[in-house]
């Protein structure tokens, strides 16, 4: 006869019943309990306090570049000239008391229909969508104006010749009088 071994129960699966300790009541976790618990490592306080770095020397403080006025890079060749608002047509909005930025454009001032649209856009503050949508529209109109300026020397003479030929063919423009007089009738009687 074969002998079978009875199934062995593992100690991990065996229910643990502690009869010596009474059942515990549920408790509300405190911040210290949460920080000590291994599953809540992300809730740990930051390693550096918020005031870190203020007692350092001035050259090594994190906020020092904002504490001093901007200076040009060493060995730079360009001199920053203050902008004369009366000389340029660049639109300034939302900055009534502040200086112009050191970078501004005067090489292509706003002109034409696109300039009017950009001037209209400058009447709105930066945080309004109308300001940016009108600026985009002004850019699109400016590119269309540029294309028209490039094509105008070619297209306008061709259009004038075509229109003149069309009108001649339809008979709206009378033939020159020397041609009409050659056929035997005076020019004012011939149509």
C-alpha atoms as a PDB file:
ATOM      1  CA  UNK A   1       0.000   0.000   0.000  1.00  0.00           C
ATOM      2  CA  UNK A   2       1.063   3.392  -0.782  1.00  0.00           C
ATOM      3  CA  UNK A   3       1.332   5.915   1.886  1.00  0.00           C
ATOM      4  CA  UNK A   4       0.367   9.478   1.041  1.00  0.00           C
ATOM      5  CA  UNK A   5       1.729  12.428   2.808  1.00  0.00           C
ATOM      6  CA  UNK A   6      -0.857  14.765   4.129  1.00  0.00           C
ATOM      7  CA  UNK A   7      -0.732  18.280   2.590  1.00  0.00           C
ATOM      8  CA  UNK A   8       1.519  20.514   4.536  1.00  0.00           C
ATOM      9  CA  UNK A   9       0.195  23.914   5.532  1.00  0.00           C
ATOM     10  CA  UNK A  10       2.578  26.785   5.209  1.00  0.00           C
ATOM     11  CA  UNK A  11       2.927  29.068   8.190  1.00  0.00           C
ATOM     12  CA  UNK A  12       2.284  32.127   5.945  1.00  0.00           C
ATOM     13  CA  UNK A  13      -1.141  30.868   4.959  1.00  0.00           C
ATOM     14  CA  UNK A  14      -2.176  29.749   8.350  1.00  0.00           C
ATOM     15  CA  UNK A  15      -4.537  32.220   9.913  1.00  0.00           C
ATOM     16  CA  UNK A  16      -2.989  33.928  12.849  1.00  0.00           C
ATOM     17  CA  UNK A  17      -5.268  34.282  15.765  1.00  0.00           C
ATOM     18  CA  UNK A  18      -3.925  36.181  18.692  1.00  0.00           C
ATOM     19  CA  UNK A  19      -5.988  35.496  21.674  1.00  0.00           C
ATOM     20  CA  UNK A  20      -3.695  37.330  24.025  1.00  0.00           C
ATOM     21  CA  UNK A  21      -4.249  40.904  22.667  1.00  0.00           C
ATOM     22  CA  UNK A  22      -7.672  42.489  22.468  1.00  0.00           C
ATOM     23  CA  UNK A  23      -8.891  43.767  19.063  1.00  0.00           C
ATOM     24  CA  UNK A  24      -7.680  47.275  18.236  1.00  0.00           C
ATOM     25  CA  UNK A  25      -9.919  50.199  17.518  1.00  0.00           C
ATOM     26  CA  UNK A  26      -9.283  52.132  14.249  1.00  0.00           C
ATOM     27  CA  UNK A  27      -7.293  55.335  14.744  1.00  0.00           C
ATOM     28  CA  UNK A  28      -6.859  58.463  12.625  1.00  0.00           C
ATOM     29  CA  UNK A  29      -3.367  58.783  11.169  1.00  0.00           C
ATOM     30  CA  UNK A  30      -1.332  61.827  12.032  1.00  0.00           C
ATOM     31  CA  UNK A  31       1.249  63.579   9.836  1.00  0.00           C
ATOM     32  CA  UNK A  32       4.097  61.892  11.709  1.00  0.00           C
ATOM     33  CA  UNK A  33       2.551  58.451  11.152  1.00  0.00           C
ATOM     34  CA  UNK A  34       2.184  59.149   7.456  1.00  0.00           C
ATOM     35  CA  UNK A  35       5.788  60.323   7.116  1.00  0.00           C
ATOM     36  CA  UNK A  36       7.126  57.285   8.944  1.00  0.00           C
ATOM     37  CA  UNK A  37       5.059  54.838   6.932  1.00  0.00           C
ATOM     38  CA  UNK A  38       7.043  53.411   4.038  1.00  0.00           C
ATOM     39  CA  UNK A  39       4.282  53.838   1.417  1.00  0.00           C
ATOM     40  CA  UNK A  40       4.104  57.602   1.842  1.00  0.00           C
ATOM     41  CA  UNK A  41       7.651  58.613   0.974  1.00  0.00           C
ATOM     42  CA  UNK A  42       6.458  61.290  -1.473  1.00  0.00           C
ATOM     43  CA  UNK A  43       4.894  63.288   1.350  1.00  0.00           C
ATOM     44  CA  UNK A  44       8.225  63.918   3.033  1.00  0.00           C
ATOM     45  CA  UNK A  45       9.135  67.568   3.594  1.00  0.00           C
ATOM     46  CA  UNK A  46      11.499  69.224   1.105  1.00  0.00           C
ATOM     47  CA  UNK A  47      15.190  68.762   1.782  1.00  0.00           C
ATOM     48  CA  UNK A  48      15.899  72.515   1.589  1.00  0.00           C
ATOM     49  CA  UNK A  49      13.777  75.017   3.454  1.00  0.00           C
ATOM     50  CA  UNK A  50      12.105  77.862   1.552  1.00  0.00           C
ATOM     51  CA  UNK A  51      14.570  80.415   2.903  1.00  0.00           C
ATOM     52  CA  UNK A  52      17.607  78.424   1.707  1.00  0.00           C
ATOM     53  CA  UNK A  53      20.287  80.542   0.051  1.00  0.00           C
ATOM     54  CA  UNK A  54      19.420  83.956   1.495  1.00  0.00           C
ATOM     55  CA  UNK A  55      22.360  84.055   3.804  1.00  0.00           C
ATOM     56  CA  UNK A  56      24.878  83.307   1.058  1.00  0.00           C
ATOM     57  CA  UNK A  57      27.208  85.922  -0.290  1.00  0.00           C
ATOM     58  CA  UNK A  58      25.692  88.247  -2.922  1.00  0.00           C
ATOM     59  CA  UNK A  59      27.478  86.758  -5.915  1.00  0.00           C
ATOM     60  CA  UNK A  60      26.134  83.268  -5.195  1.00  0.00           C
ATOM     61  CA  UNK A  61      22.533  84.054  -4.314  1.00  0.00           C
ATOM     62  CA  UNK A  62      19.907  82.577  -6.641  1.00  0.00           C
ATOM     63  CA  UNK A  63      17.952  85.809  -7.153  1.00  0.00           C
ATOM     64  CA  UNK A  64      20.857  88.175  -7.727  1.00  0.00           C
ATOM     65  CA  UNK A  65      20.431  88.665 -11.514  1.00  0.00           C
ATOM     66  CA  UNK A  66      17.040  90.226 -10.810  1.00  0.00           C
ATOM     67  CA  UNK A  67      18.509  92.556  -8.172  1.00  0.00           C
ATOM     68  CA  UNK A  68      20.796  94.491 -10.520  1.00  0.00           C
ATOM     69  CA  UNK A  69      20.110  96.259 -13.835  1.00  0.00           C
ATOM     70  CA  UNK A  70      20.989  94.387 -17.039  1.00  0.00           C
ATOM     71  CA  UNK A  71      24.447  95.009 -18.397  1.00  0.00           C
ATOM     72  CA  UNK A  72      25.837  94.169 -21.830  1.00  0.00           C
ATOM     73  CA  UNK A  73      27.942  91.069 -22.203  1.00  0.00           C
ATOM     74  CA  UNK A  74      31.665  91.667 -21.902  1.00  0.00           C
ATOM     75  CA  UNK A  75      33.405  92.325 -25.235  1.00  0.00           C
ATOM     76  CA  UNK A  76      30.101  93.071 -26.967  1.00  0.00           C
ATOM     77  CA  UNK A  77      30.249  95.533 -29.853  1.00  0.00           C
ATOM     78  CA  UNK A  78      26.701  96.899 -29.945  1.00  0.00           C
ATOM     79  CA  UNK A  79      25.809  99.913 -27.874  1.00  0.00           C
ATOM     80  CA  UNK A  80      22.271  99.998 -26.561  1.00  0.00           C
ATOM     81  CA  UNK A  81      20.665 103.265 -27.577  1.00  0.00           C
ATOM     82  CA  UNK A  82      17.496 104.413 -25.895  1.00  0.00           C
ATOM     83  CA  UNK A  83      14.563 104.457 -28.274  1.00  0.00           C
ATOM     84  CA  UNK A  84      13.005 107.731 -29.337  1.00  0.00           C
ATOM     85  CA  UNK A  85       9.243 107.081 -29.510  1.00  0.00           C
ATOM     86  CA  UNK A  86       8.670 110.196 -31.630  1.00  0.00           C
ATOM     87  CA  UNK A  87      11.072 108.933 -34.306  1.00  0.00           C
ATOM     88  CA  UNK A  88       9.642 105.451 -34.729  1.00  0.00           C
ATOM     89  CA  UNK A  89       6.233 104.140 -35.566  1.00  0.00           C
ATOM     90  CA  UNK A  90       6.510 101.092 -33.328  1.00  0.00           C
ATOM     91  CA  UNK A  91       3.364 100.720 -31.262  1.00  0.00           C
ATOM     92  CA  UNK A  92       3.681 100.728 -27.500  1.00  0.00           C
ATOM     93  CA  UNK A  93       0.828  99.480 -25.373  1.00  0.00           C
ATOM     94  CA  UNK A  94       0.280  98.443 -21.788  1.00  0.00           C
ATOM     95  CA  UNK A  95       3.545 100.067 -20.643  1.00  0.00           C
ATOM     96  CA  UNK A  96       2.810 103.751 -20.076  1.00  0.00           C
ATOM     97  CA  UNK A  97       5.435 104.365 -17.370  1.00  0.00           C
ATOM     98  CA  UNK A  98       8.139 101.909 -18.358  1.00  0.00           C
ATOM     99  CA  UNK A  99      11.099 102.275 -20.664  1.00  0.00           C
ATOM    100  CA  UNK A 100      11.248 100.726 -24.088  1.00  0.00           C
ATOM    101  CA  UNK A 101      13.019  97.388 -24.215  1.00  0.00           C
ATOM    102  CA  UNK A 102      16.587  97.449 -25.547  1.00  0.00           C
ATOM    103  CA  UNK A 103      15.496  95.383 -28.567  1.00  0.00           C
ATOM    104  CA  UNK A 104      13.055  97.120 -30.879  1.00  0.00           C
ATOM    105  CA  UNK A 105      12.482  97.242 -34.592  1.00  0.00           C
ATOM    106  CA  UNK A 106      12.528 100.369 -36.738  1.00  0.00           C
ATOM    107  CA  UNK A 107      13.782  98.919 -40.023  1.00  0.00           C
ATOM    108  CA  UNK A 108      10.318  98.052 -41.306  1.00  0.00           C
ATOM    109  CA  UNK A 109       7.749 100.393 -39.768  1.00  0.00           C
ATOM    110  CA  UNK A 110       4.074  99.419 -40.030  1.00  0.00           C
ATOM    111  CA  UNK A 111       2.510 100.671 -43.263  1.00  0.00           C
ATOM    112  CA  UNK A 112      -0.560 100.116 -45.374  1.00  0.00           C
ATOM    113  CA  UNK A 113      -3.555  98.073 -44.330  1.00  0.00           C
ATOM    114  CA  UNK A 114      -1.403  95.759 -42.204  1.00  0.00           C
ATOM    115  CA  UNK A 115      -0.093  98.789 -40.282  1.00  0.00           C
ATOM    116  CA  UNK A 116      -3.643  99.908 -39.544  1.00  0.00           C
ATOM    117  CA  UNK A 117      -4.527  96.422 -38.310  1.00  0.00           C
ATOM    118  CA  UNK A 118      -1.441  96.330 -36.080  1.00  0.00           C
ATOM    119  CA  UNK A 119      -2.243  99.782 -34.723  1.00  0.00           C
ATOM    120  CA  UNK A 120      -5.743  98.555 -33.932  1.00  0.00           C
ATOM    121  CA  UNK A 121      -4.217  95.497 -32.195  1.00  0.00           C
ATOM    122  CA  UNK A 122      -2.103  97.800 -30.029  1.00  0.00           C
ATOM    123  CA  UNK A 123      -5.279  99.298 -28.589  1.00  0.00           C
ATOM    124  CA  UNK A 124      -6.003  95.985 -26.806  1.00  0.00           C
ATOM    125  CA  UNK A 125      -3.951  94.747 -23.807  1.00  0.00           C
ATOM    126  CA  UNK A 126      -1.666  91.735 -24.148  1.00  0.00           C
ATOM    127  CA  UNK A 127      -3.886  89.361 -22.206  1.00  0.00           C
ATOM    128  CA  UNK A 128      -6.852  89.776 -24.567  1.00  0.00           C
ATOM    129  CA  UNK A 129      -7.176  87.319 -27.454  1.00  0.00           C
ATOM    130  CA  UNK A 130      -8.214  90.175 -29.767  1.00  0.00           C
ATOM    131  CA  UNK A 131      -4.709  91.621 -29.485  1.00  0.00           C
ATOM    132  CA  UNK A 132      -2.971  88.462 -30.683  1.00  0.00           C
ATOM    133  CA  UNK A 133      -5.576  87.561 -33.315  1.00  0.00           C
ATOM    134  CA  UNK A 134      -5.331  91.034 -34.850  1.00  0.00           C
ATOM    135  CA  UNK A 135      -1.539  90.782 -34.819  1.00  0.00           C
ATOM    136  CA  UNK A 136      -1.770  87.477 -36.678  1.00  0.00           C
ATOM    137  CA  UNK A 137      -4.204  89.001 -39.173  1.00  0.00           C
ATOM    138  CA  UNK A 138      -1.846  91.956 -39.657  1.00  0.00           C
ATOM    139  CA  UNK A 139       1.005  89.549 -40.412  1.00  0.00           C
ATOM    140  CA  UNK A 140      -1.094  87.696 -42.998  1.00  0.00           C
ATOM    141  CA  UNK A 141      -2.169  90.948 -44.647  1.00  0.00           C
ATOM    142  CA  UNK A 142       1.450  92.137 -44.650  1.00  0.00           C
ATOM    143  CA  UNK A 143       2.583  88.985 -46.452  1.00  0.00           C
ATOM    144  CA  UNK A 144      -0.229  89.435 -49.015  1.00  0.00           C
ATOM    145  CA  UNK A 145       0.812  93.074 -49.527  1.00  0.00           C
ATOM    146  CA  UNK A 146       4.416  91.961 -50.047  1.00  0.00           C
ATOM    147  CA  UNK A 147       3.362  89.387 -52.646  1.00  0.00           C
ATOM    148  CA  UNK A 148       1.257  91.984 -54.439  1.00  0.00           C
ATOM    149  CA  UNK A 149       4.206  94.410 -54.525  1.00  0.00           C
ATOM    150  CA  UNK A 150       6.393  91.720 -56.059  1.00  0.00           C
ATOM    151  CA  UNK A 151       3.834  90.763 -58.707  1.00  0.00           C
ATOM    152  CA  UNK A 152       2.526  94.263 -59.516  1.00  0.00           C
ATOM    153  CA  UNK A 153       5.249  95.234 -62.041  1.00  0.00           C
ATOM    154  CA  UNK A 154       4.420  92.133 -64.086  1.00  0.00           C
ATOM    155  CA  UNK A 155       0.695  91.689 -63.576  1.00  0.00           C
ATOM    156  CA  UNK A 156      -0.546  95.281 -63.921  1.00  0.00           C
ATOM    157  CA  UNK A 157       0.868  95.913 -67.440  1.00  0.00           C
ATOM    158  CA  UNK A 158      -0.420  92.522 -68.587  1.00  0.00           C
ATOM    159  CA  UNK A 159      -3.845  93.289 -67.153  1.00  0.00           C
ATOM    160  CA  UNK A 160      -3.895  96.711 -68.871  1.00  0.00           C
ATOM    161  CA  UNK A 161      -2.970  95.171 -72.246  1.00  0.00           C
ATOM    162  CA  UNK A 162      -5.569  92.446 -71.787  1.00  0.00           C
ATOM    163  CA  UNK A 163      -8.293  94.940 -70.851  1.00  0.00           C
ATOM    164  CA  UNK A 164      -7.433  97.182 -73.782  1.00  0.00           C
ATOM    165  CA  UNK A 165      -7.545  94.195 -76.174  1.00  0.00           C
ATOM    166  CA  UNK A 166     -10.882  93.062 -74.760  1.00  0.00           C
ATOM    167  CA  UNK A 167     -12.417  96.507 -75.164  1.00  0.00           C
ATOM    168  CA  UNK A 168     -11.099  96.825 -78.725  1.00  0.00           C
ATOM    169  CA  UNK A 169     -12.499  93.448 -79.647  1.00  0.00           C
ATOM    170  CA  UNK A 170     -15.936  94.293 -78.302  1.00  0.00           C
ATOM    171  CA  UNK A 171     -15.987  97.516 -80.295  1.00  0.00           C
ATOM    172  CA  UNK A 172     -16.265  99.915 -77.418  1.00  0.00           C
ATOM    173  CA  UNK A 173     -13.260 101.939 -78.551  1.00  0.00           C
ATOM    174  CA  UNK A 174     -13.565 103.384 -82.022  1.00  0.00           C
ATOM    175  CA  UNK A 175     -10.853 102.844 -84.533  1.00  0.00           C
ATOM    176  CA  UNK A 176      -8.519 105.755 -85.205  1.00  0.00           C
ATOM    177  CA  UNK A 177      -9.967 108.388 -87.636  1.00  0.00           C
ATOM    178  CA  UNK A 178      -7.276 107.899 -90.275  1.00  0.00           C
ATOM    179  CA  UNK A 179      -8.456 104.296 -90.699  1.00  0.00           C
ATOM    180  CA  UNK A 180     -12.099 105.349 -91.064  1.00  0.00           C
ATOM    181  CA  UNK A 181     -11.363 108.091 -93.572  1.00  0.00           C
ATOM    182  CA  UNK A 182      -9.558 105.619 -95.777  1.00  0.00           C
ATOM    183  CA  UNK A 183     -12.830 103.787 -96.493  1.00  0.00           C
ATOM    184  CA  UNK A 184     -14.477 106.762 -98.145  1.00  0.00           C
ATOM    185  CA  UNK A 185     -16.765 108.011 -95.400  1.00  0.00           C
ATOM    186  CA  UNK A 186     -16.025 110.781 -92.900  1.00  0.00           C
ATOM    187  CA  UNK A 187     -15.068 109.653 -89.424  1.00  0.00           C
ATOM    188  CA  UNK A 188     -18.079 111.224 -87.687  1.00  0.00           C
ATOM    189  CA  UNK A 189     -20.567 109.231 -89.814  1.00  0.00           C
ATOM    190  CA  UNK A 190     -18.955 105.883 -89.411  1.00  0.00           C
ATOM    191  CA  UNK A 191     -19.638 103.807 -86.371  1.00  0.00           C
END
